[in-house]
Amino acid sequence: MHELSVTENILQITLKHAQQAGAKSVTDVHLVIGELSSIIDDSVQFYWDMITENTICQSAQLHFTRIPAKMLCQNCKQEFTIEHGPIPCPSCGSVNLRVIQGEEFWVDSIEIQKEE
């Protein structure tokens, strides 16, 4: 359910910047999401379609770019990419790990049509 509040924030950010740019409409919104974030693309899309009705974002397409998760072993300093949740270090087997990439979430860019 937290995707609703996340999507509302995306809409607020998009509207703010689109209005500052003199947009007639927003055509595309590009999002960057880390693989370890709990954001579900389909849920964001569902809420986006619902909350953008009667706004300049109504027909805007969402584009999702996923950033892979990367860990750093605190013992041997090995960096490695993971696909599904934390795993032991492939170099030394330690579970003393720190996430260094994969929890990101931001609006990367917004495409608009301007008033003519």
PDB file of N, CA and C in Angstrom:
ATOM      1  N   MET A   1       0.813  -1.194   0.000  1.00  0.00           N
ATOM      2  CA  MET A   1       0.000   0.000   0.000  1.00  0.00           C
ATOM      3  C   MET A   1       0.860   1.263   0.000  1.00  0.00           C
ATOM      4  N   HIS A   2       2.143   1.149   0.388  1.00  0.00           N
ATOM      5  CA  HIS A   2       2.986   2.341   0.401  1.00  0.00           C
ATOM      6  C   HIS A   2       3.239   2.879  -1.003  1.00  0.00           C
ATOM      7  N   GLU A   3       2.958   2.067  -2.026  1.00  0.00           N
ATOM      8  CA  GLU A   3       3.122   2.560  -3.397  1.00  0.00           C
ATOM      9  C   GLU A   3       2.200   3.739  -3.695  1.00  0.00           C
ATOM     10  N   LEU A   4       1.044   3.819  -3.022  1.00  0.00           N
ATOM     11  CA  LEU A   4       0.157   4.959  -3.237  1.00  0.00           C
ATOM     12  C   LEU A   4       0.846   6.247  -2.814  1.00  0.00           C
ATOM     13  N   SER A   5       1.430   6.282  -1.623  1.00  0.00           N
ATOM     14  CA  SER A   5       2.097   7.507  -1.176  1.00  0.00           C
ATOM     15  C   SER A   5       3.331   7.810  -2.023  1.00  0.00           C
ATOM     16  N   VAL A   6       4.046   6.774  -2.434  1.00  0.00           N
ATOM     17  CA  VAL A   6       5.198   6.957  -3.324  1.00  0.00           C
ATOM     18  C   VAL A   6       4.732   7.570  -4.644  1.00  0.00           C
ATOM     19  N   THR A   7       3.660   7.051  -5.185  1.00  0.00           N
ATOM     20  CA  THR A   7       3.140   7.532  -6.466  1.00  0.00           C
ATOM     21  C   THR A   7       2.615   8.957  -6.333  1.00  0.00           C
ATOM     22  N   GLU A   8       1.994   9.275  -5.217  1.00  0.00           N
ATOM     23  CA  GLU A   8       1.544  10.653  -4.979  1.00  0.00           C
ATOM     24  C   GLU A   8       2.741  11.615  -4.954  1.00  0.00           C
ATOM     25  N   ASN A   9       3.841  11.179  -4.365  1.00  0.00           N
ATOM     26  CA  ASN A   9       5.053  12.000  -4.350  1.00  0.00           C
ATOM     27  C   ASN A   9       5.626  12.170  -5.753  1.00  0.00           C
ATOM     28  N   ILE A  10       5.612  11.105  -6.540  1.00  0.00           N
ATOM     29  CA  ILE A  10       6.074  11.201  -7.933  1.00  0.00           C
ATOM     30  C   ILE A  10       5.231  12.234  -8.677  1.00  0.00           C
ATOM     31  N   LEU A  11       3.921  12.181  -8.480  1.00  0.00           N
ATOM     32  CA  LEU A  11       3.026  13.129  -9.147  1.00  0.00           C
ATOM     33  C   LEU A  11       3.325  14.558  -8.697  1.00  0.00           C
ATOM     34  N   GLN A  12       3.513  14.780  -7.408  1.00  0.00           N
ATOM     35  CA  GLN A  12       3.817  16.126  -6.905  1.00  0.00           C
ATOM     36  C   GLN A  12       5.108  16.672  -7.512  1.00  0.00           C
ATOM     37  N   ILE A  13       6.136  15.851  -7.542  1.00  0.00           N
ATOM     38  CA  ILE A  13       7.422  16.258  -8.119  1.00  0.00           C
ATOM     39  C   ILE A  13       7.246  16.574  -9.603  1.00  0.00           C
ATOM     40  N   THR A  14       6.546  15.700 -10.298  1.00  0.00           N
ATOM     41  CA  THR A  14       6.338  15.880 -11.735  1.00  0.00           C
ATOM     42  C   THR A  14       5.547  17.150 -12.025  1.00  0.00           C
ATOM     43  N   LEU A  15       4.456  17.352 -11.311  1.00  0.00           N
ATOM     44  CA  LEU A  15       3.633  18.547 -11.525  1.00  0.00           C
ATOM     45  C   LEU A  15       4.423  19.822 -11.239  1.00  0.00           C
ATOM     46  N   LYS A  16       5.169  19.826 -10.169  1.00  0.00           N
ATOM     47  CA  LYS A  16       5.956  21.006  -9.798  1.00  0.00           C
ATOM     48  C   LYS A  16       6.912  21.398 -10.923  1.00  0.00           C
ATOM     49  N   HIS A  17       7.683  20.428 -11.415  1.00  0.00           N
ATOM     50  CA  HIS A  17       8.681  20.725 -12.436  1.00  0.00           C
ATOM     51  C   HIS A  17       8.041  20.991 -13.802  1.00  0.00           C
ATOM     52  N   ALA A  18       6.977  20.296 -14.107  1.00  0.00           N
ATOM     53  CA  ALA A  18       6.292  20.517 -15.383  1.00  0.00           C
ATOM     54  C   ALA A  18       5.675  21.912 -15.416  1.00  0.00           C
ATOM     55  N   GLN A  19       5.066  22.322 -14.325  1.00  0.00           N
ATOM     56  CA  GLN A  19       4.460  23.653 -14.277  1.00  0.00           C
ATOM     57  C   GLN A  19       5.522  24.742 -14.341  1.00  0.00           C
ATOM     58  N   GLN A  20       6.655  24.535 -13.684  1.00  0.00           N
ATOM     59  CA  GLN A  20       7.755  25.501 -13.752  1.00  0.00           C
ATOM     60  C   GLN A  20       8.286  25.639 -15.175  1.00  0.00           C
ATOM     61  N   ALA A  21       8.203  24.569 -15.942  1.00  0.00           N
ATOM     62  CA  ALA A  21       8.689  24.578 -17.326  1.00  0.00           C
ATOM     63  C   ALA A  21       7.622  25.046 -18.314  1.00  0.00           C
ATOM     64  N   GLY A  22       6.425  25.373 -17.831  1.00  0.00           N
ATOM     65  CA  GLY A  22       5.353  25.830 -18.709  1.00  0.00           C
ATOM     66  C   GLY A  22       4.737  24.718 -19.542  1.00  0.00           C
ATOM     67  N   ALA A  23       4.626  23.551 -18.969  1.00  0.00           N
ATOM     68  CA  ALA A  23       4.114  22.389 -19.696  1.00  0.00           C
ATOM     69  C   ALA A  23       2.612  22.474 -19.932  1.00  0.00           C
ATOM     70  N   LYS A  24       2.217  22.077 -21.127  1.00  0.00           N
ATOM     71  CA  LYS A  24       0.800  21.873 -21.430  1.00  0.00           C
ATOM     72  C   LYS A  24       0.397  20.478 -20.977  1.00  0.00           C
ATOM     73  N   SER A  25       1.332  19.534 -21.150  1.00  0.00           N
ATOM     74  CA  SER A  25       1.105  18.162 -20.707  1.00  0.00           C
ATOM     75  C   SER A  25       2.442  17.472 -20.460  1.00  0.00           C
ATOM     76  N   VAL A  26       2.382  16.419 -19.667  1.00  0.00           N
ATOM     77  CA  VAL A  26       3.549  15.574 -19.424  1.00  0.00           C
ATOM     78  C   VAL A  26       3.354  14.316 -20.261  1.00  0.00           C
ATOM     79  N   THR A  27       4.381  13.948 -21.023  1.00  0.00           N
ATOM     80  CA  THR A  27       4.261  12.773 -21.890  1.00  0.00           C
ATOM     81  C   THR A  27       4.933  11.537 -21.306  1.00  0.00           C
ATOM     82  N   ASP A  28       6.049  11.732 -20.581  1.00  0.00           N
ATOM     83  CA  ASP A  28       6.810  10.599 -20.057  1.00  0.00           C
ATOM     84  C   ASP A  28       7.468  10.969 -18.734  1.00  0.00           C
ATOM     85  N   VAL A  29       7.519  10.006 -17.833  1.00  0.00           N
ATOM     86  CA  VAL A  29       8.217  10.166 -16.560  1.00  0.00           C
ATOM     87  C   VAL A  29       9.134   8.961 -16.406  1.00  0.00           C
ATOM     88  N   HIS A  30      10.425   9.234 -16.232  1.00  0.00           N
ATOM     89  CA  HIS A  30      11.429   8.174 -16.116  1.00  0.00           C
ATOM     90  C   HIS A  30      11.845   8.038 -14.658  1.00  0.00           C
ATOM     91  N   LEU A  31      11.696   6.832 -14.133  1.00  0.00           N
ATOM     92  CA  LEU A  31      12.003   6.537 -12.733  1.00  0.00           C
ATOM     93  C   LEU A  31      13.179   5.583 -12.650  1.00  0.00           C
ATOM     94  N   VAL A  32      14.016   5.767 -11.645  1.00  0.00           N
ATOM     95  CA  VAL A  32      15.127   4.861 -11.368  1.00  0.00           C
ATOM     96  C   VAL A  32      14.855   4.229 -10.011  1.00  0.00           C
ATOM     97  N   ILE A  33      14.893   2.893  -9.976  1.00  0.00           N
ATOM     98  CA  ILE A  33      14.534   2.157  -8.764  1.00  0.00           C
ATOM     99  C   ILE A  33      15.575   1.068  -8.514  1.00  0.00           C
ATOM    100  N   GLY A  34      16.103   1.029  -7.311  1.00  0.00           N
ATOM    101  CA  GLY A  34      17.050  -0.013  -6.937  1.00  0.00           C
ATOM    102  C   GLY A  34      16.344  -1.349  -6.739  1.00  0.00           C
ATOM    103  N   GLU A  35      17.038  -2.421  -7.083  1.00  0.00           N
ATOM    104  CA  GLU A  35      16.471  -3.775  -6.967  1.00  0.00           C
ATOM    105  C   GLU A  35      16.091  -4.140  -5.530  1.00  0.00           C
ATOM    106  N   LEU A  36      16.722  -3.531  -4.547  1.00  0.00           N
ATOM    107  CA  LEU A  36      16.411  -3.860  -3.157  1.00  0.00           C
ATOM    108  C   LEU A  36      15.299  -2.995  -2.575  1.00  0.00           C
ATOM    109  N   SER A  37      14.848  -2.005  -3.347  1.00  0.00           N
ATOM    110  CA  SER A  37      13.737  -1.196  -2.850  1.00  0.00           C
ATOM    111  C   SER A  37      12.478  -2.056  -2.889  1.00  0.00           C
ATOM    112  N   SER A  38      11.526  -1.678  -2.095  1.00  0.00           N
ATOM    113  CA  SER A  38      10.298  -2.480  -2.040  1.00  0.00           C
ATOM    114  C   SER A  38       9.238  -1.946  -3.009  1.00  0.00           C
ATOM    115  N   ILE A  39       9.647  -1.135  -3.958  1.00  0.00           N
ATOM    116  CA  ILE A  39       8.731  -0.533  -4.924  1.00  0.00           C
ATOM    117  C   ILE A  39       8.366  -1.565  -5.994  1.00  0.00           C
ATOM    118  N   ILE A  40       7.064  -1.747  -6.214  1.00  0.00           N
ATOM    119  CA  ILE A  40       6.565  -2.682  -7.226  1.00  0.00           C
ATOM    120  C   ILE A  40       6.049  -1.872  -8.413  1.00  0.00           C
ATOM    121  N   ASP A  41       6.684  -2.054  -9.562  1.00  0.00           N
ATOM    122  CA  ASP A  41       6.369  -1.271 -10.760  1.00  0.00           C
ATOM    123  C   ASP A  41       4.880  -1.284 -11.101  1.00  0.00           C
ATOM    124  N   ASP A  42       4.282  -2.460 -11.111  1.00  0.00           N
ATOM    125  CA  ASP A  42       2.867  -2.573 -11.481  1.00  0.00           C
ATOM    126  C   ASP A  42       1.956  -1.805 -10.525  1.00  0.00           C
ATOM    127  N   SER A  43       2.292  -1.789  -9.257  1.00  0.00           N
ATOM    128  CA  SER A  43       1.484  -1.049  -8.287  1.00  0.00           C
ATOM    129  C   SER A  43       1.611   0.452  -8.513  1.00  0.00           C
ATOM    130  N   VAL A  44       2.827   0.915  -8.765  1.00  0.00           N
ATOM    131  CA  VAL A  44       3.028   2.338  -9.052  1.00  0.00           C
ATOM    132  C   VAL A  44       2.248   2.717 -10.307  1.00  0.00           C
ATOM    133  N   GLN A  45       2.317   1.882 -11.329  1.00  0.00           N
ATOM    134  CA  GLN A  45       1.583   2.156 -12.575  1.00  0.00           C
ATOM    135  C   GLN A  45       0.077   2.206 -12.312  1.00  0.00           C
ATOM    136  N   PHE A  46      -0.439   1.282 -11.532  1.00  0.00           N
ATOM    137  CA  PHE A  46      -1.861   1.244 -11.206  1.00  0.00           C
ATOM    138  C   PHE A  46      -2.298   2.544 -10.534  1.00  0.00           C
ATOM    139  N   TYR A  47      -1.555   2.949  -9.496  1.00  0.00           N
ATOM    140  CA  TYR A  47      -1.913   4.182  -8.781  1.00  0.00           C
ATOM    141  C   TYR A  47      -1.714   5.416  -9.662  1.00  0.00           C
ATOM    142  N   TRP A  48      -0.674   5.398 -10.482  1.00  0.00           N
ATOM    143  CA  TRP A  48      -0.421   6.522 -11.398  1.00  0.00           C
ATOM    144  C   TRP A  48      -1.627   6.740 -12.310  1.00  0.00           C
ATOM    145  N   ASP A  49      -2.101   5.665 -12.902  1.00  0.00           N
ATOM    146  CA  ASP A  49      -3.257   5.773 -13.801  1.00  0.00           C
ATOM    147  C   ASP A  49      -4.475   6.334 -13.073  1.00  0.00           C
ATOM    148  N   MET A  50      -4.615   6.016 -11.808  1.00  0.00           N
ATOM    149  CA  MET A  50      -5.767   6.451 -11.029  1.00  0.00           C
ATOM    150  C   MET A  50      -5.641   7.918 -10.597  1.00  0.00           C
ATOM    151  N   ILE A  51      -4.493   8.309 -10.054  1.00  0.00           N
ATOM    152  CA  ILE A  51      -4.386   9.643  -9.453  1.00  0.00           C
ATOM    153  C   ILE A  51      -4.053  10.751 -10.447  1.00  0.00           C
ATOM    154  N   THR A  52      -3.682  10.395 -11.666  1.00  0.00           N
ATOM    155  CA  THR A  52      -3.351  11.440 -12.645  1.00  0.00           C
ATOM    156  C   THR A  52      -4.549  11.883 -13.479  1.00  0.00           C
ATOM    157  N   GLU A  53      -5.701  11.251 -13.269  1.00  0.00           N
ATOM    158  CA  GLU A  53      -6.888  11.671 -14.020  1.00  0.00           C
ATOM    159  C   GLU A  53      -7.131  13.157 -13.813  1.00  0.00           C
ATOM    160  N   ASN A  54      -7.462  13.834 -14.914  1.00  0.00           N
ATOM    161  CA  ASN A  54      -7.760  15.270 -14.906  1.00  0.00           C
ATOM    162  C   ASN A  54      -6.578  16.140 -14.482  1.00  0.00           C
ATOM    163  N   THR A  55      -5.350  15.650 -14.715  1.00  0.00           N
ATOM    164  CA  THR A  55      -4.148  16.462 -14.501  1.00  0.00           C
ATOM    165  C   THR A  55      -3.383  16.512 -15.822  1.00  0.00           C
ATOM    166  N   ILE A  56      -2.354  17.344 -15.880  1.00  0.00           N
ATOM    167  CA  ILE A  56      -1.541  17.409 -17.102  1.00  0.00           C
ATOM    168  C   ILE A  56      -0.690  16.146 -17.275  1.00  0.00           C
ATOM    169  N   CYS A  57      -0.727  15.256 -16.303  1.00  0.00           N
ATOM    170  CA  CYS A  57       0.024  13.992 -16.363  1.00  0.00           C
ATOM    171  C   CYS A  57      -0.844  12.819 -16.790  1.00  0.00           C
ATOM    172  N   GLN A  58      -2.091  13.073 -17.103  1.00  0.00           N
ATOM    173  CA  GLN A  58      -3.056  11.992 -17.336  1.00  0.00           C
ATOM    174  C   GLN A  58      -2.592  10.959 -18.367  1.00  0.00           C
ATOM    175  N   SER A  59      -1.970  11.375 -19.433  1.00  0.00           N
ATOM    176  CA  SER A  59      -1.565  10.421 -20.477  1.00  0.00           C
ATOM    177  C   SER A  59      -0.084  10.063 -20.411  1.00  0.00           C
ATOM    178  N   ALA A  60       0.602  10.534 -19.394  1.00  0.00           N
ATOM    179  CA  ALA A  60       2.048  10.300 -19.300  1.00  0.00           C
ATOM    180  C   ALA A  60       2.360   8.824 -19.083  1.00  0.00           C
ATOM    181  N   GLN A  61       3.389   8.376 -19.771  1.00  0.00           N
ATOM    182  CA  GLN A  61       3.861   7.003 -19.634  1.00  0.00           C
ATOM    183  C   GLN A  61       4.969   6.953 -18.587  1.00  0.00           C
ATOM    184  N   LEU A  62       4.900   5.971 -17.708  1.00  0.00           N
ATOM    185  CA  LEU A  62       5.968   5.744 -16.740  1.00  0.00           C
ATOM    186  C   LEU A  62       6.982   4.779 -17.337  1.00  0.00           C
ATOM    187  N   HIS A  63       8.251   5.070 -17.110  1.00  0.00           N
ATOM    188  CA  HIS A  63       9.340   4.209 -17.570  1.00  0.00           C
ATOM    189  C   HIS A  63      10.182   3.855 -16.349  1.00  0.00           C
ATOM    190  N   PHE A  64      10.392   2.571 -16.133  1.00  0.00           N
ATOM    191  CA  PHE A  64      11.104   2.082 -14.949  1.00  0.00           C
ATOM    192  C   PHE A  64      12.473   1.553 -15.346  1.00  0.00           C
ATOM    193  N   THR A  65      13.517   2.070 -14.709  1.00  0.00           N
ATOM    194  CA  THR A  65      14.865   1.548 -14.881  1.00  0.00           C
ATOM    195  C   THR A  65      15.301   0.994 -13.541  1.00  0.00           C
ATOM    196  N   ARG A  66      15.688  -0.262 -13.524  1.00  0.00           N
ATOM    197  CA  ARG A  66      16.115  -0.928 -12.289  1.00  0.00           C
ATOM    198  C   ARG A  66      17.641  -0.918 -12.183  1.00  0.00           C
ATOM    199  N   ILE A  67      18.116  -0.585 -10.992  1.00  0.00           N
ATOM    200  CA  ILE A  67      19.553  -0.609 -10.702  1.00  0.00           C
ATOM    201  C   ILE A  67      19.842  -1.876  -9.908  1.00  0.00           C
ATOM    202  N   PRO A  68      20.824  -2.666 -10.357  1.00  0.00           N
ATOM    203  CA  PRO A  68      21.125  -3.910  -9.638  1.00  0.00           C
ATOM    204  C   PRO A  68      21.666  -3.642  -8.236  1.00  0.00           C
ATOM    205  N   ALA A  69      21.470  -4.604  -7.371  1.00  0.00           N
ATOM    206  CA  ALA A  69      21.965  -4.512  -5.999  1.00  0.00           C
ATOM    207  C   ALA A  69      23.446  -4.877  -5.965  1.00  0.00           C
ATOM    208  N   LYS A  70      24.195  -4.075  -5.231  1.00  0.00           N
ATOM    209  CA  LYS A  70      25.627  -4.331  -5.087  1.00  0.00           C
ATOM    210  C   LYS A  70      25.965  -4.295  -3.603  1.00  0.00           C
ATOM    211  N   MET A  71      26.769  -5.262  -3.176  1.00  0.00           N
ATOM    212  CA  MET A  71      27.166  -5.383  -1.773  1.00  0.00           C
ATOM    213  C   MET A  71      28.676  -5.196  -1.646  1.00  0.00           C
ATOM    214  N   LEU A  72      29.089  -4.804  -0.441  1.00  0.00           N
ATOM    215  CA  LEU A  72      30.505  -4.711  -0.100  1.00  0.00           C
ATOM    216  C   LEU A  72      30.737  -5.584   1.122  1.00  0.00           C
ATOM    217  N   CYS A  73      31.657  -6.519   1.011  1.00  0.00           N
ATOM    218  CA  CYS A  73      32.020  -7.361   2.147  1.00  0.00           C
ATOM    219  C   CYS A  73      32.878  -6.524   3.093  1.00  0.00           C
ATOM    220  N   GLN A  74      32.440  -6.426   4.339  1.00  0.00           N
ATOM    221  CA  GLN A  74      33.174  -5.631   5.325  1.00  0.00           C
ATOM    222  C   GLN A  74      34.466  -6.326   5.762  1.00  0.00           C
ATOM    223  N   ASN A  75      34.569  -7.635   5.490  1.00  0.00           N
ATOM    224  CA  ASN A  75      35.766  -8.369   5.905  1.00  0.00           C
ATOM    225  C   ASN A  75      36.877  -8.313   4.855  1.00  0.00           C
ATOM    226  N   CYS A  76      36.557  -8.696   3.618  1.00  0.00           N
ATOM    227  CA  CYS A  76      37.608  -8.767   2.592  1.00  0.00           C
ATOM    228  C   CYS A  76      37.540  -7.613   1.585  1.00  0.00           C
ATOM    229  N   LYS A  77      36.537  -6.737   1.720  1.00  0.00           N
ATOM    230  CA  LYS A  77      36.347  -5.550   0.866  1.00  0.00           C
ATOM    231  C   LYS A  77      35.991  -5.887  -0.581  1.00  0.00           C
ATOM    232  N   GLN A  78      35.537  -7.109  -0.818  1.00  0.00           N
ATOM    233  CA  GLN A  78      35.074  -7.521  -2.152  1.00  0.00           C
ATOM    234  C   GLN A  78      33.715  -6.878  -2.445  1.00  0.00           C
ATOM    235  N   GLU A  79      33.569  -6.270  -3.630  1.00  0.00           N
ATOM    236  CA  GLU A  79      32.271  -5.778  -4.083  1.00  0.00           C
ATOM    237  C   GLU A  79      31.678  -6.813  -5.019  1.00  0.00           C
ATOM    238  N   PHE A  80      30.373  -7.049  -4.888  1.00  0.00           N
ATOM    239  CA  PHE A  80      29.731  -8.011  -5.784  1.00  0.00           C
ATOM    240  C   PHE A  80      28.264  -7.659  -5.965  1.00  0.00           C
ATOM    241  N   THR A  81      27.723  -8.056  -7.103  1.00  0.00           N
ATOM    242  CA  THR A  81      26.328  -7.806  -7.449  1.00  0.00           C
ATOM    243  C   THR A  81      25.506  -9.021  -7.066  1.00  0.00           C
ATOM    244  N   ILE A  82      24.290  -8.766  -6.564  1.00  0.00           N
ATOM    245  CA  ILE A  82      23.388  -9.854  -6.213  1.00  0.00           C
ATOM    246  C   ILE A  82      22.086  -9.693  -6.978  1.00  0.00           C
ATOM    247  N   GLU A  83      21.369 -10.780  -7.138  1.00  0.00           N
ATOM    248  CA  GLU A  83      20.091 -10.736  -7.843  1.00  0.00           C
ATOM    249  C   GLU A  83      18.904 -10.835  -6.902  1.00  0.00           C
ATOM    250  N   HIS A  84      18.988 -11.646  -5.872  1.00  0.00           N
ATOM    251  CA  HIS A  84      17.843 -11.875  -4.988  1.00  0.00           C
ATOM    252  C   HIS A  84      18.280 -11.895  -3.534  1.00  0.00           C
ATOM    253  N   GLY A  85      18.205 -10.761  -2.875  1.00  0.00           N
ATOM    254  CA  GLY A  85      18.492 -10.702  -1.449  1.00  0.00           C
ATOM    255  C   GLY A  85      19.953 -10.954  -1.108  1.00  0.00           C
ATOM    256  N   PRO A  86      20.355 -10.576   0.082  1.00  0.00           N
ATOM    257  CA  PRO A  86      21.744 -10.752   0.508  1.00  0.00           C
ATOM    258  C   PRO A  86      22.172 -12.217   0.514  1.00  0.00           C
ATOM    259  N   ILE A  87      23.385 -12.432   0.088  1.00  0.00           N
ATOM    260  CA  ILE A  87      23.988 -13.765   0.098  1.00  0.00           C
ATOM    261  C   ILE A  87      25.375 -13.618   0.713  1.00  0.00           C
ATOM    262  N   PRO A  88      25.992 -14.705   1.143  1.00  0.00           N
ATOM    263  CA  PRO A  88      27.362 -14.594   1.662  1.00  0.00           C
ATOM    264  C   PRO A  88      28.325 -14.092   0.575  1.00  0.00           C
ATOM    265  N   CYS A  89      29.394 -13.472   1.020  1.00  0.00           N
ATOM    266  CA  CYS A  89      30.425 -12.977   0.104  1.00  0.00           C
ATOM    267  C   CYS A  89      30.965 -14.144  -0.724  1.00  0.00           C
ATOM    268  N   PRO A  90      30.994 -14.007  -2.043  1.00  0.00           N
ATOM    269  CA  PRO A  90      31.511 -15.093  -2.879  1.00  0.00           C
ATOM    270  C   PRO A  90      33.017 -15.291  -2.725  1.00  0.00           C
ATOM    271  N   SER A  91      33.699 -14.304  -2.145  1.00  0.00           N
ATOM    272  CA  SER A  91      35.141 -14.399  -1.979  1.00  0.00           C
ATOM    273  C   SER A  91      35.538 -15.105  -0.686  1.00  0.00           C
ATOM    274  N   CYS A  92      34.919 -14.684   0.441  1.00  0.00           N
ATOM    275  CA  CYS A  92      35.347 -15.219   1.739  1.00  0.00           C
ATOM    276  C   CYS A  92      34.218 -15.898   2.515  1.00  0.00           C
ATOM    277  N   GLY A  93      32.971 -15.815   2.026  1.00  0.00           N
ATOM    278  CA  GLY A  93      31.845 -16.461   2.686  1.00  0.00           C
ATOM    279  C   GLY A  93      31.251 -15.678   3.849  1.00  0.00           C
ATOM    280  N   SER A  94      31.774 -14.483   4.093  1.00  0.00           N
ATOM    281  CA  SER A  94      31.275 -13.671   5.205  1.00  0.00           C
ATOM    282  C   SER A  94      29.860 -13.168   4.919  1.00  0.00           C
ATOM    283  N   VAL A  95      29.100 -12.955   5.990  1.00  0.00           N
ATOM    284  CA  VAL A  95      27.789 -12.318   5.865  1.00  0.00           C
ATOM    285  C   VAL A  95      27.837 -10.902   6.451  1.00  0.00           C
ATOM    286  N   ASN A  96      29.032 -10.425   6.736  1.00  0.00           N
ATOM    287  CA  ASN A  96      29.230  -9.063   7.228  1.00  0.00           C
ATOM    288  C   ASN A  96      29.293  -8.136   6.006  1.00  0.00           C
ATOM    289  N   LEU A  97      28.104  -7.808   5.489  1.00  0.00           N
ATOM    290  CA  LEU A  97      27.997  -7.086   4.217  1.00  0.00           C
ATOM    291  C   LEU A  97      27.323  -5.735   4.411  1.00  0.00           C
ATOM    292  N   ARG A  98      27.608  -4.835   3.485  1.00  0.00           N
ATOM    293  CA  ARG A  98      26.955  -3.524   3.471  1.00  0.00           C
ATOM    294  C   ARG A  98      26.423  -3.274   2.060  1.00  0.00           C
ATOM    295  N   VAL A  99      25.187  -2.800   1.971  1.00  0.00           N
ATOM    296  CA  VAL A  99      24.588  -2.461   0.683  1.00  0.00           C
ATOM    297  C   VAL A  99      25.239  -1.167   0.196  1.00  0.00           C
ATOM    298  N   ILE A 100      25.774  -1.180  -1.014  1.00  0.00           N
ATOM    299  CA  ILE A 100      26.361   0.039  -1.579  1.00  0.00           C
ATOM    300  C   ILE A 100      25.592   0.523  -2.814  1.00  0.00           C
ATOM    301  N   GLN A 101      24.664  -0.288  -3.287  1.00  0.00           N
ATOM    302  CA  GLN A 101      23.828   0.106  -4.423  1.00  0.00           C
ATOM    303  C   GLN A 101      22.608  -0.801  -4.458  1.00  0.00           C
ATOM    304  N   GLY A 102      21.462  -0.222  -4.854  1.00  0.00           N
ATOM    305  CA  GLY A 102      20.267  -1.037  -5.026  1.00  0.00           C
ATOM    306  C   GLY A 102      19.067  -0.597  -4.221  1.00  0.00           C
ATOM    307  N   GLU A 103      19.236   0.435  -3.380  1.00  0.00           N
ATOM    308  CA  GLU A 103      18.108   0.940  -2.600  1.00  0.00           C
ATOM    309  C   GLU A 103      17.609   2.287  -3.133  1.00  0.00           C
ATOM    310  N   GLU A 104      18.149   2.714  -4.268  1.00  0.00           N
ATOM    311  CA  GLU A 104      17.818   4.019  -4.826  1.00  0.00           C
ATOM    312  C   GLU A 104      16.371   4.102  -5.301  1.00  0.00           C
ATOM    313  N   PHE A 105      15.880   5.329  -5.351  1.00  0.00           N
ATOM    314  CA  PHE A 105      14.574   5.594  -5.945  1.00  0.00           C
ATOM    315  C   PHE A 105      14.490   7.085  -6.237  1.00  0.00           C
ATOM    316  N   TRP A 106      14.364   7.444  -7.523  1.00  0.00           N
ATOM    317  CA  TRP A 106      14.224   8.856  -7.863  1.00  0.00           C
ATOM    318  C   TRP A 106      13.547   9.039  -9.212  1.00  0.00           C
ATOM    319  N   VAL A 107      13.027  10.258  -9.401  1.00  0.00           N
ATOM    320  CA  VAL A 107      12.502  10.666 -10.706  1.00  0.00           C
ATOM    321  C   VAL A 107      13.712  11.155 -11.485  1.00  0.00           C
ATOM    322  N   ASP A 108      14.026  10.460 -12.573  1.00  0.00           N
ATOM    323  CA  ASP A 108      15.228  10.778 -13.341  1.00  0.00           C
ATOM    324  C   ASP A 108      14.980  11.905 -14.337  1.00  0.00           C
ATOM    325  N   SER A 109      13.863  11.836 -15.065  1.00  0.00           N
ATOM    326  CA  SER A 109      13.551  12.885 -16.033  1.00  0.00           C
ATOM    327  C   SER A 109      12.062  12.900 -16.341  1.00  0.00           C
ATOM    328  N   ILE A 110      11.643  14.046 -16.848  1.00  0.00           N
ATOM    329  CA  ILE A 110      10.246  14.266 -17.201  1.00  0.00           C
ATOM    330  C   ILE A 110      10.226  14.862 -18.607  1.00  0.00           C
ATOM    331  N   GLU A 111       9.399  14.302 -19.476  1.00  0.00           N
ATOM    332  CA  GLU A 111       9.245  14.854 -20.823  1.00  0.00           C
ATOM    333  C   GLU A 111       7.882  15.531 -20.898  1.00  0.00           C
ATOM    334  N   ILE A 112       7.880  16.725 -21.496  1.00  0.00           N
ATOM    335  CA  ILE A 112       6.660  17.523 -21.536  1.00  0.00           C
ATOM    336  C   ILE A 112       6.378  18.041 -22.938  1.00  0.00           C
ATOM    337  N   GLN A 113       5.151  18.522 -23.127  1.00  0.00           N
ATOM    338  CA  GLN A 113       4.778  19.312 -24.288  1.00  0.00           C
ATOM    339  C   GLN A 113       4.469  20.696 -23.753  1.00  0.00           C
ATOM    340  N   LYS A 114       5.033  21.706 -24.422  1.00  0.00           N
ATOM    341  CA  LYS A 114       4.830  23.086 -23.960  1.00  0.00           C
ATOM    342  C   LYS A 114       3.653  23.730 -24.656  1.00  0.00           C
ATOM    343  N   GLU A 115       3.155  24.770 -24.017  1.00  0.00           N
ATOM    344  CA  GLU A 115       2.108  25.603 -24.616  1.00  0.00           C
ATOM    345  C   GLU A 115       2.685  26.225 -25.882  1.00  0.00           C
ATOM    346  N   GLU A 116       1.871  26.353 -26.910  1.00  0.00           N
ATOM    347  CA  GLU A 116       2.361  26.965 -28.147  1.00  0.00           C
ATOM    348  C   GLU A 116       1.813  28.341 -28.319  1.00  0.00           C
TER     349      GLU A 116
END
